[in-house]
Amino acid sequence: MTYIRTAFLWHWNLLALGAGAVFSFLSGQPDTFLPIFLAAEILYLGLLATHPRFQKAVDASLISRQQPLVNHAEIIEQIRQRLTPPDWNRFEQLRDRCLSLNRIAEQIRGPQAGNSSPIHSMQTDSLERLLWLFLKLLYSRDALQRFLSGTDKSGLEAQIQSAQREIQEATTNQRTDKLIRTLEDKHDTLMQRLANYQRAEENREILAAEIDRIEQKVNAISELSISARDPADVSAQVDGIAEGVSVTEEAIRKLDVPPLFDSETAPRFLTQTE
């Protein structure tokens, strides 16, 4: 119902609906024209309310109204304090490269072009989204690394072998079922911990690969500001990168990794300092 209500209350729809009603009565044949306009209205509501892009736009609007304003400065400071100096420096170097290439592009475009061109706006929005994803991935990988560093894998494997021997000895010596079940539960818990460790190792490798890939995407789209002149070409490349980012974000959500924060809106990494 939210989609239908939003489609109905769109100001252009209300204007068209009112105009149709007025026309029907002024024509002197409301019995003929009113059903036609009502049928057209129902068709419009059905088509627009079920359109995926319209639904996404409505959902995004609702979320933006429901969620409190995000203090990106606090979030970024939290990330900076958690990351190792090499990881934070890696992010800053990538952002500085974007800023440097933007300044070169401004020089090439000339002072009269400014920063309001379609190409510049598309690139800046995409770069800031990519930089935000890059920083969040660094944060998640760091959290996984801390977990792995604090867990002794070889110690876990040794405990599993010891638990297996205990079960074997208890079974051989015909100990009570309660004791054997307790030992088996201990063994299962250790196996689960080892599986968690192995899954974290795999997810860390995936994150590392995604971080490298996003870094190259940032470099690629930054360099577009130097060489690209056709807005259509830039738009196509930016759309392709944005689609890839959406796929990456969805894939990361399915991994057992620390949360990437609730904010989908990227901080203004580039525009504030331009």
C-alpha atoms as a PDB file:
ATOM      1  CA  MET A   1       0.000   0.000   0.000  1.00  0.00           C
ATOM      2  CA  THR A   2       2.909   2.351   0.599  1.00  0.00           C
ATOM      3  CA  TYR A   3       3.922   2.203  -3.063  1.00  0.00           C
ATOM      4  CA  ILE A   4       0.347   2.814  -4.265  1.00  0.00           C
ATOM      5  CA  ARG A   5      -0.161   5.704  -1.845  1.00  0.00           C
ATOM      6  CA  THR A   6       3.110   7.319  -2.892  1.00  0.00           C
ATOM      7  CA  ALA A   7       2.273   6.916  -6.578  1.00  0.00           C
ATOM      8  CA  PHE A   8      -1.216   8.352  -6.027  1.00  0.00           C
ATOM      9  CA  LEU A   9       0.015  11.364  -4.021  1.00  0.00           C
ATOM     10  CA  TRP A  10       2.663  12.303  -6.591  1.00  0.00           C
ATOM     11  CA  HIS A  11       1.833  15.901  -7.450  1.00  0.00           C
ATOM     12  CA  TRP A  12       1.764  15.331 -11.218  1.00  0.00           C
ATOM     13  CA  ASN A  13      -0.678  12.461 -10.777  1.00  0.00           C
ATOM     14  CA  LEU A  14      -2.976  14.570  -8.602  1.00  0.00           C
ATOM     15  CA  LEU A  15      -2.830  17.368 -11.169  1.00  0.00           C
ATOM     16  CA  ALA A  16      -3.668  14.995 -14.033  1.00  0.00           C
ATOM     17  CA  LEU A  17      -6.443  13.348 -12.025  1.00  0.00           C
ATOM     18  CA  GLY A  18      -7.993  16.703 -11.151  1.00  0.00           C
ATOM     19  CA  ALA A  19      -7.735  17.905 -14.729  1.00  0.00           C
ATOM     20  CA  GLY A  20      -9.416  14.725 -15.947  1.00  0.00           C
ATOM     21  CA  ALA A  21     -12.288  15.139 -13.494  1.00  0.00           C
ATOM     22  CA  VAL A  22     -12.810  18.775 -14.463  1.00  0.00           C
ATOM     23  CA  PHE A  23     -12.726  17.904 -18.160  1.00  0.00           C
ATOM     24  CA  SER A  24     -15.268  15.102 -17.645  1.00  0.00           C
ATOM     25  CA  PHE A  25     -17.806  17.409 -16.008  1.00  0.00           C
ATOM     26  CA  LEU A  26     -17.195  20.306 -18.401  1.00  0.00           C
ATOM     27  CA  SER A  27     -17.703  17.999 -21.372  1.00  0.00           C
ATOM     28  CA  GLY A  28     -21.236  17.303 -20.247  1.00  0.00           C
ATOM     29  CA  GLN A  29     -20.598  13.582 -20.517  1.00  0.00           C
ATOM     30  CA  PRO A  30     -19.100  12.548 -17.154  1.00  0.00           C
ATOM     31  CA  ASP A  31     -20.606   9.072 -17.464  1.00  0.00           C
ATOM     32  CA  THR A  32     -18.449   8.545 -20.552  1.00  0.00           C
ATOM     33  CA  PHE A  33     -15.162  10.199 -19.639  1.00  0.00           C
ATOM     34  CA  LEU A  34     -14.905   9.561 -15.882  1.00  0.00           C
ATOM     35  CA  PRO A  35     -14.669   5.761 -16.266  1.00  0.00           C
ATOM     36  CA  ILE A  36     -11.946   6.251 -18.888  1.00  0.00           C
ATOM     37  CA  PHE A  37      -9.886   8.493 -16.609  1.00  0.00           C
ATOM     38  CA  LEU A  38     -10.431   6.169 -13.645  1.00  0.00           C
ATOM     39  CA  ALA A  39      -9.305   3.177 -15.701  1.00  0.00           C
ATOM     40  CA  ALA A  40      -6.203   5.102 -16.781  1.00  0.00           C
ATOM     41  CA  GLU A  41      -5.518   6.014 -13.142  1.00  0.00           C
ATOM     42  CA  ILE A  42      -5.792   2.395 -12.030  1.00  0.00           C
ATOM     43  CA  LEU A  43      -3.459   1.330 -14.843  1.00  0.00           C
ATOM     44  CA  TYR A  44      -0.971   4.050 -13.871  1.00  0.00           C
ATOM     45  CA  LEU A  45      -1.031   3.060 -10.197  1.00  0.00           C
ATOM     46  CA  GLY A  46      -0.607  -0.607 -11.034  1.00  0.00           C
ATOM     47  CA  LEU A  47       2.334  -0.049 -13.378  1.00  0.00           C
ATOM     48  CA  LEU A  48       4.215   2.498 -11.274  1.00  0.00           C
ATOM     49  CA  ALA A  49       3.626   0.882  -7.880  1.00  0.00           C
ATOM     50  CA  THR A  50       5.025  -2.441  -9.108  1.00  0.00           C
ATOM     51  CA  HIS A  51       8.028  -0.975 -10.927  1.00  0.00           C
ATOM     52  CA  PRO A  52      11.281  -2.108  -9.197  1.00  0.00           C
ATOM     53  CA  ARG A  53      13.031   1.255  -9.554  1.00  0.00           C
ATOM     54  CA  PHE A  54      10.048   3.105  -8.097  1.00  0.00           C
ATOM     55  CA  GLN A  55       9.883   0.684  -5.171  1.00  0.00           C
ATOM     56  CA  LYS A  56      13.591   1.110  -4.480  1.00  0.00           C
ATOM     57  CA  ALA A  57      13.214   4.900  -4.530  1.00  0.00           C
ATOM     58  CA  VAL A  58      10.289   4.748  -2.086  1.00  0.00           C
ATOM     59  CA  ASP A  59      12.166   2.345   0.201  1.00  0.00           C
ATOM     60  CA  ALA A  60      15.242   4.568   0.204  1.00  0.00           C
ATOM     61  CA  SER A  61      13.120   7.599   1.046  1.00  0.00           C
ATOM     62  CA  LEU A  62      11.453   5.797   3.954  1.00  0.00           C
ATOM     63  CA  ILE A  63      14.772   4.571   5.320  1.00  0.00           C
ATOM     64  CA  SER A  64      16.314   8.030   5.118  1.00  0.00           C
ATOM     65  CA  ARG A  65      13.405   9.467   7.116  1.00  0.00           C
ATOM     66  CA  GLN A  66      13.409   6.714   9.720  1.00  0.00           C
ATOM     67  CA  GLN A  67      17.134   6.572  10.388  1.00  0.00           C
ATOM     68  CA  PRO A  68      18.805   9.274  12.479  1.00  0.00           C
ATOM     69  CA  LEU A  69      21.461  11.411  10.890  1.00  0.00           C
ATOM     70  CA  VAL A  70      24.771   9.590  10.784  1.00  0.00           C
ATOM     71  CA  ASN A  71      27.789  11.289  12.294  1.00  0.00           C
ATOM     72  CA  HIS A  72      30.355  10.168   9.755  1.00  0.00           C
ATOM     73  CA  ALA A  73      33.158  12.008  11.550  1.00  0.00           C
ATOM     74  CA  GLU A  74      32.666   9.847  14.643  1.00  0.00           C
ATOM     75  CA  ILE A  75      32.469   6.649  12.606  1.00  0.00           C
ATOM     76  CA  ILE A  76      35.613   7.471  10.637  1.00  0.00           C
ATOM     77  CA  GLU A  77      37.469   8.337  13.841  1.00  0.00           C
ATOM     78  CA  GLN A  78      36.364   5.010  15.320  1.00  0.00           C
ATOM     79  CA  ILE A  79      37.693   3.206  12.256  1.00  0.00           C
ATOM     80  CA  ARG A  80      40.963   5.160  12.348  1.00  0.00           C
ATOM     81  CA  GLN A  81      41.564   4.206  15.978  1.00  0.00           C
ATOM     82  CA  ARG A  82      40.934   0.528  15.243  1.00  0.00           C
ATOM     83  CA  LEU A  83      42.972   0.194  12.072  1.00  0.00           C
ATOM     84  CA  THR A  84      46.691  -0.433  12.065  1.00  0.00           C
ATOM     85  CA  PRO A  85      48.790   2.538  10.873  1.00  0.00           C
ATOM     86  CA  PRO A  86      49.665   0.795   7.556  1.00  0.00           C
ATOM     87  CA  ASP A  87      45.981   0.196   6.757  1.00  0.00           C
ATOM     88  CA  TRP A  88      44.952   3.754   7.629  1.00  0.00           C
ATOM     89  CA  ASN A  89      47.870   5.148   5.612  1.00  0.00           C
ATOM     90  CA  ARG A  90      46.797   2.987   2.680  1.00  0.00           C
ATOM     91  CA  PHE A  91      43.357   4.589   2.764  1.00  0.00           C
ATOM     92  CA  GLU A  92      44.751   8.112   3.096  1.00  0.00           C
ATOM     93  CA  GLN A  93      47.166   7.586   0.211  1.00  0.00           C
ATOM     94  CA  LEU A  94      44.314   6.390  -2.001  1.00  0.00           C
ATOM     95  CA  ARG A  95      42.145   9.368  -1.062  1.00  0.00           C
ATOM     96  CA  ASP A  96      45.063  11.766  -1.614  1.00  0.00           C
ATOM     97  CA  ARG A  97      45.621  10.274  -5.071  1.00  0.00           C
ATOM     98  CA  CYS A  98      41.976  10.942  -5.921  1.00  0.00           C
ATOM     99  CA  LEU A  99      42.305  14.545  -4.767  1.00  0.00           C
ATOM    100  CA  SER A 100      45.521  14.991  -6.717  1.00  0.00           C
ATOM    101  CA  LEU A 101      43.994  13.648  -9.930  1.00  0.00           C
ATOM    102  CA  ASN A 102      40.930  15.842  -9.403  1.00  0.00           C
ATOM    103  CA  ARG A 103      43.146  18.913  -9.189  1.00  0.00           C
ATOM    104  CA  ILE A 104      44.953  17.900 -12.376  1.00  0.00           C
ATOM    105  CA  ALA A 105      41.600  17.389 -14.103  1.00  0.00           C
ATOM    106  CA  GLU A 106      40.455  20.853 -12.985  1.00  0.00           C
ATOM    107  CA  GLN A 107      43.611  22.324 -14.473  1.00  0.00           C
ATOM    108  CA  ILE A 108      42.976  20.516 -17.759  1.00  0.00           C
ATOM    109  CA  ARG A 109      39.322  21.616 -17.878  1.00  0.00           C
ATOM    110  CA  GLY A 110      40.254  25.197 -17.114  1.00  0.00           C
ATOM    111  CA  PRO A 111      39.004  27.554 -14.387  1.00  0.00           C
ATOM    112  CA  GLN A 112      35.786  28.317 -16.264  1.00  0.00           C
ATOM    113  CA  ALA A 113      34.586  24.698 -16.061  1.00  0.00           C
ATOM    114  CA  GLY A 114      34.454  24.525 -12.260  1.00  0.00           C
ATOM    115  CA  ASN A 115      33.331  21.426 -10.394  1.00  0.00           C
ATOM    116  CA  SER A 116      29.713  21.313 -11.548  1.00  0.00           C
ATOM    117  CA  SER A 117      30.116  19.367 -14.803  1.00  0.00           C
ATOM    118  CA  PRO A 118      28.148  16.106 -15.165  1.00  0.00           C
ATOM    119  CA  ILE A 119      31.367  14.130 -15.551  1.00  0.00           C
ATOM    120  CA  HIS A 120      32.873  15.568 -12.372  1.00  0.00           C
ATOM    121  CA  SER A 121      29.725  14.985 -10.311  1.00  0.00           C
ATOM    122  CA  MET A 122      29.344  11.375 -11.430  1.00  0.00           C
ATOM    123  CA  GLN A 123      32.976  10.601 -10.754  1.00  0.00           C
ATOM    124  CA  THR A 124      33.004  12.258  -7.343  1.00  0.00           C
ATOM    125  CA  ASP A 125      29.892  10.418  -6.145  1.00  0.00           C
ATOM    126  CA  SER A 126      31.240   7.076  -7.319  1.00  0.00           C
ATOM    127  CA  LEU A 127      34.691   7.716  -5.864  1.00  0.00           C
ATOM    128  CA  GLU A 128      33.305   8.595  -2.455  1.00  0.00           C
ATOM    129  CA  ARG A 129      31.155   5.471  -2.426  1.00  0.00           C
ATOM    130  CA  LEU A 130      34.145   3.348  -3.422  1.00  0.00           C
ATOM    131  CA  LEU A 131      36.376   4.970  -0.815  1.00  0.00           C
ATOM    132  CA  TRP A 132      33.733   4.337   1.852  1.00  0.00           C
ATOM    133  CA  LEU A 133      33.474   0.679   0.869  1.00  0.00           C
ATOM    134  CA  PHE A 134      37.285   0.432   0.785  1.00  0.00           C
ATOM    135  CA  LEU A 135      37.559   1.808   4.332  1.00  0.00           C
ATOM    136  CA  LYS A 136      34.814  -0.459   5.681  1.00  0.00           C
ATOM    137  CA  LEU A 137      36.459  -3.507   4.126  1.00  0.00           C
ATOM    138  CA  LEU A 138      39.762  -2.575   5.751  1.00  0.00           C
ATOM    139  CA  TYR A 139      37.949  -2.335   9.082  1.00  0.00           C
ATOM    140  CA  SER A 140      36.282  -5.742   8.675  1.00  0.00           C
ATOM    141  CA  ARG A 141      39.512  -7.408   7.619  1.00  0.00           C
ATOM    142  CA  ASP A 142      41.300  -5.904  10.624  1.00  0.00           C
ATOM    143  CA  ALA A 143      38.641  -7.305  12.968  1.00  0.00           C
ATOM    144  CA  LEU A 144      39.019 -10.763  11.421  1.00  0.00           C
ATOM    145  CA  GLN A 145      42.787 -10.523  11.735  1.00  0.00           C
ATOM    146  CA  ARG A 146      42.476  -9.651  15.425  1.00  0.00           C
ATOM    147  CA  PHE A 147      40.243 -12.681  15.957  1.00  0.00           C
ATOM    148  CA  LEU A 148      42.656 -14.979  14.128  1.00  0.00           C
ATOM    149  CA  SER A 149      45.662 -13.590  15.985  1.00  0.00           C
ATOM    150  CA  GLY A 150      43.953 -14.210  19.310  1.00  0.00           C
ATOM    151  CA  THR A 151      43.117 -17.836  18.518  1.00  0.00           C
ATOM    152  CA  ASP A 152      45.701 -20.634  18.662  1.00  0.00           C
ATOM    153  CA  LYS A 153      44.861 -22.888  15.715  1.00  0.00           C
ATOM    154  CA  SER A 154      47.534 -25.472  16.493  1.00  0.00           C
ATOM    155  CA  GLY A 155      46.366 -25.526  20.103  1.00  0.00           C
ATOM    156  CA  LEU A 156      42.795 -26.179  18.942  1.00  0.00           C
ATOM    157  CA  GLU A 157      43.928 -29.043  16.733  1.00  0.00           C
ATOM    158  CA  ALA A 158      45.898 -30.538  19.631  1.00  0.00           C
ATOM    159  CA  GLN A 159      42.850 -30.303  21.898  1.00  0.00           C
ATOM    160  CA  ILE A 160      40.722 -32.032  19.256  1.00  0.00           C
ATOM    161  CA  GLN A 161      43.175 -34.921  19.041  1.00  0.00           C
ATOM    162  CA  SER A 162      43.244 -35.154  22.836  1.00  0.00           C
ATOM    163  CA  ALA A 163      39.432 -35.187  22.975  1.00  0.00           C
ATOM    164  CA  GLN A 164      39.332 -37.961  20.388  1.00  0.00           C
ATOM    165  CA  ARG A 165      41.709 -40.039  22.505  1.00  0.00           C
ATOM    166  CA  GLU A 166      39.601 -39.419  25.599  1.00  0.00           C
ATOM    167  CA  ILE A 167      36.470 -40.628  23.794  1.00  0.00           C
ATOM    168  CA  GLN A 168      38.298 -43.700  22.522  1.00  0.00           C
ATOM    169  CA  GLU A 169      39.639 -44.547  25.982  1.00  0.00           C
ATOM    170  CA  ALA A 170      36.252 -44.014  27.633  1.00  0.00           C
ATOM    171  CA  THR A 171      34.573 -46.236  25.050  1.00  0.00           C
ATOM    172  CA  THR A 172      37.236 -48.936  25.349  1.00  0.00           C
ATOM    173  CA  ASN A 173      37.018 -48.925  29.140  1.00  0.00           C
ATOM    174  CA  GLN A 174      33.203 -49.012  28.968  1.00  0.00           C
ATOM    175  CA  ARG A 175      32.765 -45.852  30.980  1.00  0.00           C
ATOM    176  CA  THR A 176      29.280 -44.436  31.597  1.00  0.00           C
ATOM    177  CA  ASP A 177      27.208 -43.109  28.712  1.00  0.00           C
ATOM    178  CA  LYS A 178      26.929 -39.746  30.465  1.00  0.00           C
ATOM    179  CA  LEU A 179      30.721 -39.349  30.527  1.00  0.00           C
ATOM    180  CA  ILE A 180      31.053 -40.391  26.894  1.00  0.00           C
ATOM    181  CA  ARG A 181      28.332 -37.928  25.820  1.00  0.00           C
ATOM    182  CA  THR A 182      30.108 -35.176  27.756  1.00  0.00           C
ATOM    183  CA  LEU A 183      33.406 -35.960  26.026  1.00  0.00           C
ATOM    184  CA  GLU A 184      31.685 -36.076  22.627  1.00  0.00           C
ATOM    185  CA  ASP A 185      30.068 -32.698  23.261  1.00  0.00           C
ATOM    186  CA  LYS A 186      33.477 -31.285  24.191  1.00  0.00           C
ATOM    187  CA  HIS A 187      34.900 -32.693  20.951  1.00  0.00           C
ATOM    188  CA  ASP A 188      32.034 -31.248  18.882  1.00  0.00           C
ATOM    189  CA  THR A 189      32.532 -27.822  20.450  1.00  0.00           C
ATOM    190  CA  LEU A 190      36.241 -27.874  19.628  1.00  0.00           C
ATOM    191  CA  MET A 191      35.443 -28.904  16.052  1.00  0.00           C
ATOM    192  CA  GLN A 192      33.006 -26.009  15.784  1.00  0.00           C
ATOM    193  CA  ARG A 193      35.659 -23.581  17.018  1.00  0.00           C
ATOM    194  CA  LEU A 194      38.109 -24.915  14.436  1.00  0.00           C
ATOM    195  CA  ALA A 195      35.484 -24.542  11.699  1.00  0.00           C
ATOM    196  CA  ASN A 196      34.892 -20.943  12.801  1.00  0.00           C
ATOM    197  CA  TYR A 197      38.619 -20.269  12.599  1.00  0.00           C
ATOM    198  CA  GLN A 198      38.897 -21.783   9.121  1.00  0.00           C
ATOM    199  CA  ARG A 199      35.873 -19.808   7.914  1.00  0.00           C
ATOM    200  CA  ALA A 200      37.408 -16.615   9.286  1.00  0.00           C
ATOM    201  CA  GLU A 201      40.644 -17.393   7.422  1.00  0.00           C
ATOM    202  CA  GLU A 202      38.749 -17.826   4.164  1.00  0.00           C
ATOM    203  CA  ASN A 203      36.730 -14.647   4.700  1.00  0.00           C
ATOM    204  CA  ARG A 204      39.898 -12.699   5.440  1.00  0.00           C
ATOM    205  CA  GLU A 205      41.341 -13.833   2.097  1.00  0.00           C
ATOM    206  CA  ILE A 206      38.142 -12.812   0.312  1.00  0.00           C
ATOM    207  CA  LEU A 207      38.219  -9.391   1.962  1.00  0.00           C
ATOM    208  CA  ALA A 208      41.874  -8.914   1.044  1.00  0.00           C
ATOM    209  CA  ALA A 209      41.081  -9.666  -2.609  1.00  0.00           C
ATOM    210  CA  GLU A 210      38.090  -7.303  -2.560  1.00  0.00           C
ATOM    211  CA  ILE A 211      40.201  -4.548  -0.999  1.00  0.00           C
ATOM    212  CA  ASP A 212      42.768  -4.862  -3.788  1.00  0.00           C
ATOM    213  CA  ARG A 213      40.021  -4.867  -6.426  1.00  0.00           C
ATOM    214  CA  ILE A 214      38.251  -1.807  -5.017  1.00  0.00           C
ATOM    215  CA  GLU A 215      41.592   0.007  -4.806  1.00  0.00           C
ATOM    216  CA  GLN A 216      42.126  -0.544  -8.528  1.00  0.00           C
ATOM    217  CA  LYS A 217      38.556   0.583  -9.264  1.00  0.00           C
ATOM    218  CA  VAL A 218      39.208   3.822  -7.389  1.00  0.00           C
ATOM    219  CA  ASN A 219      42.383   4.403  -9.385  1.00  0.00           C
ATOM    220  CA  ALA A 220      40.577   3.648 -12.646  1.00  0.00           C
ATOM    221  CA  ILE A 221      37.680   6.021 -12.077  1.00  0.00           C
ATOM    222  CA  SER A 222      40.041   8.739 -10.781  1.00  0.00           C
ATOM    223  CA  GLU A 223      42.013   8.533 -14.005  1.00  0.00           C
ATOM    224  CA  LEU A 224      38.795   8.988 -16.002  1.00  0.00           C
ATOM    225  CA  SER A 225      38.813  12.612 -14.877  1.00  0.00           C
ATOM    226  CA  ILE A 226      42.005  13.104 -16.879  1.00  0.00           C
ATOM    227  CA  SER A 227      41.146  11.275 -20.092  1.00  0.00           C
ATOM    228  CA  ALA A 228      37.350  11.130 -20.413  1.00  0.00           C
ATOM    229  CA  ARG A 229      35.363  13.799 -22.234  1.00  0.00           C
ATOM    230  CA  ASP A 230      32.166  12.010 -23.258  1.00  0.00           C
ATOM    231  CA  PRO A 231      29.556  12.063 -20.455  1.00  0.00           C
ATOM    232  CA  ALA A 232      27.819   9.014 -21.932  1.00  0.00           C
ATOM    233  CA  ASP A 233      31.049   7.009 -21.818  1.00  0.00           C
ATOM    234  CA  VAL A 234      31.766   8.086 -18.266  1.00  0.00           C
ATOM    235  CA  SER A 235      28.187   7.337 -17.232  1.00  0.00           C
ATOM    236  CA  ALA A 236      28.422   3.811 -18.636  1.00  0.00           C
ATOM    237  CA  GLN A 237      31.689   3.126 -16.826  1.00  0.00           C
ATOM    238  CA  VAL A 238      30.455   4.645 -13.578  1.00  0.00           C
ATOM    239  CA  ASP A 239      27.228   2.626 -13.752  1.00  0.00           C
ATOM    240  CA  GLY A 240      29.257  -0.542 -14.278  1.00  0.00           C
ATOM    241  CA  ILE A 241      31.450   0.218 -11.285  1.00  0.00           C
ATOM    242  CA  ALA A 242      28.447   1.138  -9.132  1.00  0.00           C
ATOM    243  CA  GLU A 243      26.759  -2.133 -10.023  1.00  0.00           C
ATOM    244  CA  GLY A 244      29.934  -3.987  -9.082  1.00  0.00           C
ATOM    245  CA  VAL A 245      30.041  -2.171  -5.748  1.00  0.00           C
ATOM    246  CA  SER A 246      26.446  -3.188  -5.020  1.00  0.00           C
ATOM    247  CA  VAL A 247      27.289  -6.813  -5.771  1.00  0.00           C
ATOM    248  CA  THR A 248      30.355  -6.604  -3.527  1.00  0.00           C
ATOM    249  CA  GLU A 249      28.384  -5.075  -0.646  1.00  0.00           C
ATOM    250  CA  GLU A 250      25.731  -7.783  -0.921  1.00  0.00           C
ATOM    251  CA  ALA A 251      28.359 -10.527  -1.037  1.00  0.00           C
ATOM    252  CA  ILE A 252      30.161  -9.139   2.013  1.00  0.00           C
ATOM    253  CA  ARG A 253      26.895  -9.079   3.969  1.00  0.00           C
ATOM    254  CA  LYS A 254      26.610 -12.833   3.443  1.00  0.00           C
ATOM    255  CA  LEU A 255      30.040 -13.472   4.929  1.00  0.00           C
ATOM    256  CA  ASP A 256      30.579 -14.054   8.630  1.00  0.00           C
ATOM    257  CA  VAL A 257      32.464 -10.795   9.056  1.00  0.00           C
ATOM    258  CA  PRO A 258      32.056  -7.855  11.446  1.00  0.00           C
ATOM    259  CA  PRO A 259      29.262  -5.448  10.426  1.00  0.00           C
ATOM    260  CA  LEU A 260      30.093  -2.791   7.850  1.00  0.00           C
ATOM    261  CA  PHE A 261      28.098  -0.162   9.789  1.00  0.00           C
ATOM    262  CA  ASP A 262      24.506   0.700   8.972  1.00  0.00           C
ATOM    263  CA  SER A 263      25.219   3.818   6.943  1.00  0.00           C
ATOM    264  CA  GLU A 264      25.008   3.304   3.195  1.00  0.00           C
ATOM    265  CA  THR A 265      25.601   7.010   2.516  1.00  0.00           C
ATOM    266  CA  ALA A 266      29.248   7.706   1.847  1.00  0.00           C
ATOM    267  CA  PRO A 267      31.005  10.522   3.720  1.00  0.00           C
ATOM    268  CA  ARG A 268      32.170  13.472   1.641  1.00  0.00           C
ATOM    269  CA  PHE A 269      35.771  12.364   1.441  1.00  0.00           C
ATOM    270  CA  LEU A 270      36.580  14.530  -1.573  1.00  0.00           C
ATOM    271  CA  THR A 271      34.160  17.435  -1.806  1.00  0.00           C
ATOM    272  CA  GLN A 272      34.860  18.872   1.637  1.00  0.00           C
ATOM    273  CA  THR A 273      38.508  19.392   0.872  1.00  0.00           C
ATOM    274  CA  GLU A 274      38.160  20.589  -2.687  1.00  0.00           C
END
